Amino acid sequence: MRGRDDIPSPGHYEGHYDRSVPECLFCGIADGEVPATLVLDGKRVIAFRDVNPQAPTHVLVIPRDHYPTVAALAGAGDGLLDELVAHAHEVAAAEGIADSGYRLVFNTGRESGQTVGHVHAHVLGGRPMTWPPG
């Protein structure tokens, strides 16, 4: 069974990319080996409900392929980051929060609160958000 990933130190995985990492929880979800409540099932991106929701709507949007951080995903330069953000908006629209507003969050690294070393966007909404976060 796949477990929690250790988050690499900044720069350790700069440009690192693998189709699937055996110990990665989110790779397991993307491969269909770990159960999740899917909201969107695309060719390169999937979305599923967070198991510990922090808002009435809390959905995680991930690339199927493994990138440890949003910086690594952006560095790939193949349009996947744009696609992921577009799918996050699709999720917000489908969840009925696109018009009222939603927050899209990428945590990068340990101190940001990233707990799984597979890039993921949090789509949060359904309640007023406060600022500053955290």
C-alpha atoms as a PDB file:
ATOM      1  CA  MET A   1       0.000   0.000   0.000  1.00  0.00           C
ATOM      2  CA  ARG A   2       1.222   3.467  -0.812  1.00  0.00           C
ATOM      3  CA  GLY A   3       1.873   5.916   1.984  1.00  0.00           C
ATOM      4  CA  ARG A   4       2.810   9.494   2.618  1.00  0.00           C
ATOM      5  CA  ASP A   5       5.752  10.853   0.598  1.00  0.00           C
ATOM      6  CA  ASP A   6       8.643  12.770   2.060  1.00  0.00           C
ATOM      7  CA  ILE A   7       8.838  16.184   0.480  1.00  0.00           C
ATOM      8  CA  PRO A   8      12.231  16.802  -1.144  1.00  0.00           C
ATOM      9  CA  SER A   9      14.254  19.841  -0.245  1.00  0.00           C
ATOM     10  CA  PRO A  10      14.026  22.694  -2.769  1.00  0.00           C
ATOM     11  CA  GLY A  11      16.120  22.019  -5.845  1.00  0.00           C
ATOM     12  CA  HIS A  12      16.572  18.312  -5.046  1.00  0.00           C
ATOM     13  CA  TYR A  13      14.047  17.304  -7.700  1.00  0.00           C
ATOM     14  CA  GLU A  14      14.404  20.325  -9.952  1.00  0.00           C
ATOM     15  CA  GLY A  15      13.070  19.133 -13.284  1.00  0.00           C
ATOM     16  CA  HIS A  16      12.500  15.626 -11.880  1.00  0.00           C
ATOM     17  CA  TYR A  17       9.679  13.734 -13.502  1.00  0.00           C
ATOM     18  CA  ASP A  18       8.501  10.136 -13.461  1.00  0.00           C
ATOM     19  CA  ARG A  19       5.323   8.651 -14.867  1.00  0.00           C
ATOM     20  CA  SER A  20       4.616   6.954 -11.539  1.00  0.00           C
ATOM     21  CA  VAL A  21       6.441   6.688  -8.222  1.00  0.00           C
ATOM     22  CA  PRO A  22       5.670   3.439  -6.341  1.00  0.00           C
ATOM     23  CA  GLU A  23       5.526   5.016  -2.866  1.00  0.00           C
ATOM     24  CA  CYS A  24       3.406   8.014  -3.922  1.00  0.00           C
ATOM     25  CA  LEU A  25      -0.154   8.076  -2.587  1.00  0.00           C
ATOM     26  CA  PHE A  26      -1.406  10.276  -5.438  1.00  0.00           C
ATOM     27  CA  CYS A  27       0.256   8.087  -8.094  1.00  0.00           C
ATOM     28  CA  GLY A  28      -1.705   5.228  -6.534  1.00  0.00           C
ATOM     29  CA  ILE A  29      -4.935   7.200  -6.874  1.00  0.00           C
ATOM     30  CA  ALA A  30      -4.096   8.168 -10.472  1.00  0.00           C
ATOM     31  CA  ASP A  31      -3.344   4.518 -11.288  1.00  0.00           C
ATOM     32  CA  GLY A  32      -6.635   3.378  -9.709  1.00  0.00           C
ATOM     33  CA  GLU A  33      -4.818   1.367  -7.023  1.00  0.00           C
ATOM     34  CA  VAL A  34      -5.908   3.597  -4.123  1.00  0.00           C
ATOM     35  CA  PRO A  35      -9.613   4.460  -3.801  1.00  0.00           C
ATOM     36  CA  ALA A  36     -10.755   8.065  -4.055  1.00  0.00           C
ATOM     37  CA  THR A  37     -13.980   9.901  -4.844  1.00  0.00           C
ATOM     38  CA  LEU A  38     -13.281  11.168  -8.354  1.00  0.00           C
ATOM     39  CA  VAL A  39     -14.805  14.450  -9.481  1.00  0.00           C
ATOM     40  CA  LEU A  40     -13.000  14.634 -12.845  1.00  0.00           C
ATOM     41  CA  ASP A  41     -11.270  11.865 -14.776  1.00  0.00           C
ATOM     42  CA  GLY A  42      -9.272  13.278 -17.674  1.00  0.00           C
ATOM     43  CA  LYS A  43      -6.529  11.955 -19.910  1.00  0.00           C
ATOM     44  CA  ARG A  44      -3.699  13.839 -18.134  1.00  0.00           C
ATOM     45  CA  VAL A  45      -5.434  15.272 -15.045  1.00  0.00           C
ATOM     46  CA  ILE A  46      -7.762  13.880 -12.382  1.00  0.00           C
ATOM     47  CA  ALA A  47      -9.624  15.512  -9.504  1.00  0.00           C
ATOM     48  CA  PHE A  48     -10.903  13.933  -6.316  1.00  0.00           C
ATOM     49  CA  ARG A  49     -12.381  14.980  -2.986  1.00  0.00           C
ATOM     50  CA  ASP A  50      -9.948  15.697  -0.145  1.00  0.00           C
ATOM     51  CA  VAL A  51     -10.295  13.180   2.697  1.00  0.00           C
ATOM     52  CA  ASN A  52      -9.828  15.996   5.233  1.00  0.00           C
ATOM     53  CA  PRO A  53     -11.873  18.863   3.753  1.00  0.00           C
ATOM     54  CA  GLN A  54     -11.135  22.392   4.942  1.00  0.00           C
ATOM     55  CA  ALA A  55     -14.182  23.927   3.222  1.00  0.00           C
ATOM     56  CA  PRO A  56     -17.588  22.689   2.009  1.00  0.00           C
ATOM     57  CA  THR A  57     -15.925  22.150  -1.379  1.00  0.00           C
ATOM     58  CA  HIS A  58     -12.360  20.818  -1.152  1.00  0.00           C
ATOM     59  CA  VAL A  59     -11.167  18.998  -4.252  1.00  0.00           C
ATOM     60  CA  LEU A  60      -7.595  18.097  -5.206  1.00  0.00           C
ATOM     61  CA  VAL A  61      -6.575  18.371  -8.862  1.00  0.00           C
ATOM     62  CA  ILE A  62      -3.445  16.443  -9.893  1.00  0.00           C
ATOM     63  CA  PRO A  63      -1.592  15.443 -13.021  1.00  0.00           C
ATOM     64  CA  ARG A  64      -1.634  11.693 -13.624  1.00  0.00           C
ATOM     65  CA  ASP A  65       2.133  11.777 -14.098  1.00  0.00           C
ATOM     66  CA  HIS A  66       4.357  12.432 -11.096  1.00  0.00           C
ATOM     67  CA  TYR A  67       5.859  15.880 -10.580  1.00  0.00           C
ATOM     68  CA  PRO A  68       6.907  16.639  -6.990  1.00  0.00           C
ATOM     69  CA  THR A  69       6.094  20.374  -7.037  1.00  0.00           C
ATOM     70  CA  VAL A  70       4.327  23.017  -9.083  1.00  0.00           C
ATOM     71  CA  ALA A  71       7.761  24.396 -10.052  1.00  0.00           C
ATOM     72  CA  ALA A  72       8.744  21.030 -11.536  1.00  0.00           C
ATOM     73  CA  LEU A  73       5.419  20.868 -13.391  1.00  0.00           C
ATOM     74  CA  ALA A  74       5.860  24.407 -14.751  1.00  0.00           C
ATOM     75  CA  GLY A  75       9.407  23.565 -15.810  1.00  0.00           C
ATOM     76  CA  ALA A  76       8.180  20.662 -17.940  1.00  0.00           C
ATOM     77  CA  GLY A  77       6.788  23.239 -20.380  1.00  0.00           C
ATOM     78  CA  ASP A  78       4.283  20.952 -22.076  1.00  0.00           C
ATOM     79  CA  GLY A  79       1.130  22.878 -21.142  1.00  0.00           C
ATOM     80  CA  LEU A  80       0.155  20.485 -18.356  1.00  0.00           C
ATOM     81  CA  LEU A  81       0.145  23.219 -15.695  1.00  0.00           C
ATOM     82  CA  ASP A  82      -2.245  25.287 -17.832  1.00  0.00           C
ATOM     83  CA  GLU A  83      -4.418  22.214 -18.319  1.00  0.00           C
ATOM     84  CA  LEU A  84      -4.453  21.483 -14.586  1.00  0.00           C
ATOM     85  CA  VAL A  85      -5.563  25.053 -13.779  1.00  0.00           C
ATOM     86  CA  ALA A  86      -8.260  24.916 -16.476  1.00  0.00           C
ATOM     87  CA  HIS A  87      -9.548  21.654 -14.998  1.00  0.00           C
ATOM     88  CA  ALA A  88      -9.540  23.237 -11.531  1.00  0.00           C
ATOM     89  CA  HIS A  89     -11.880  25.907 -12.889  1.00  0.00           C
ATOM     90  CA  GLU A  90     -14.071  23.177 -14.444  1.00  0.00           C
ATOM     91  CA  VAL A  91     -14.285  21.545 -11.011  1.00  0.00           C
ATOM     92  CA  ALA A  92     -15.250  24.877  -9.422  1.00  0.00           C
ATOM     93  CA  ALA A  93     -17.969  25.378 -12.040  1.00  0.00           C
ATOM     94  CA  ALA A  94     -19.298  21.830 -11.608  1.00  0.00           C
ATOM     95  CA  GLU A  95     -19.320  22.281  -7.810  1.00  0.00           C
ATOM     96  CA  GLY A  96     -21.292  25.546  -8.143  1.00  0.00           C
ATOM     97  CA  ILE A  97     -18.595  27.805  -6.665  1.00  0.00           C
ATOM     98  CA  ALA A  98     -17.106  29.422  -9.778  1.00  0.00           C
ATOM     99  CA  ASP A  99     -19.396  32.465  -9.679  1.00  0.00           C
ATOM    100  CA  SER A 100     -19.287  33.070  -5.921  1.00  0.00           C
ATOM    101  CA  GLY A 101     -15.534  32.551  -5.759  1.00  0.00           C
ATOM    102  CA  TYR A 102     -13.034  29.868  -4.914  1.00  0.00           C
ATOM    103  CA  ARG A 103      -9.441  29.600  -3.815  1.00  0.00           C
ATOM    104  CA  LEU A 104      -6.853  27.649  -5.809  1.00  0.00           C
ATOM    105  CA  VAL A 105      -3.821  26.696  -3.683  1.00  0.00           C
ATOM    106  CA  PHE A 106      -0.530  24.969  -4.509  1.00  0.00           C
ATOM    107  CA  ASN A 107       1.569  24.192  -1.420  1.00  0.00           C
ATOM    108  CA  THR A 108       5.238  23.703  -2.279  1.00  0.00           C
ATOM    109  CA  GLY A 109       7.633  22.171   0.243  1.00  0.00           C
ATOM    110  CA  ARG A 110       7.417  21.145   3.887  1.00  0.00           C
ATOM    111  CA  GLU A 111       7.053  24.604   5.403  1.00  0.00           C
ATOM    112  CA  SER A 112       4.128  25.433   3.129  1.00  0.00           C
ATOM    113  CA  GLY A 113       2.190  22.417   4.376  1.00  0.00           C
ATOM    114  CA  GLN A 114       2.700  20.143   1.349  1.00  0.00           C
ATOM    115  CA  THR A 115       2.169  16.668   2.787  1.00  0.00           C
ATOM    116  CA  VAL A 116       2.234  14.576  -0.406  1.00  0.00           C
ATOM    117  CA  GLY A 117       5.183  14.960  -2.772  1.00  0.00           C
ATOM    118  CA  HIS A 118       3.033  14.942  -5.922  1.00  0.00           C
ATOM    119  CA  VAL A 119       1.954  18.372  -7.153  1.00  0.00           C
ATOM    120  CA  HIS A 120      -1.692  19.072  -6.416  1.00  0.00           C
ATOM    121  CA  ALA A 121      -3.984  22.069  -6.506  1.00  0.00           C
ATOM    122  CA  HIS A 122      -6.567  22.515  -3.765  1.00  0.00           C
ATOM    123  CA  VAL A 123      -9.898  23.887  -5.023  1.00  0.00           C
ATOM    124  CA  LEU A 124     -11.576  25.388  -1.943  1.00  0.00           C
ATOM    125  CA  GLY A 125     -14.922  27.130  -1.761  1.00  0.00           C
ATOM    126  CA  GLY A 126     -18.469  27.138  -0.533  1.00  0.00           C
ATOM    127  CA  ARG A 127     -17.736  29.531   2.330  1.00  0.00           C
ATOM    128  CA  PRO A 128     -16.095  32.949   2.742  1.00  0.00           C
ATOM    129  CA  MET A 129     -12.298  32.670   2.746  1.00  0.00           C
ATOM    130  CA  THR A 130     -10.208  34.756   5.125  1.00  0.00           C
ATOM    131  CA  TRP A 131      -6.944  36.561   4.503  1.00  0.00           C
ATOM    132  CA  PRO A 132      -4.212  36.040   5.290  1.00  0.00           C
ATOM    133  CA  PRO A 133      -4.426  32.240   5.065  1.00  0.00           C
ATOM    134  CA  GLY A 134      -2.548  30.004   7.494  1.00  0.00           C
END
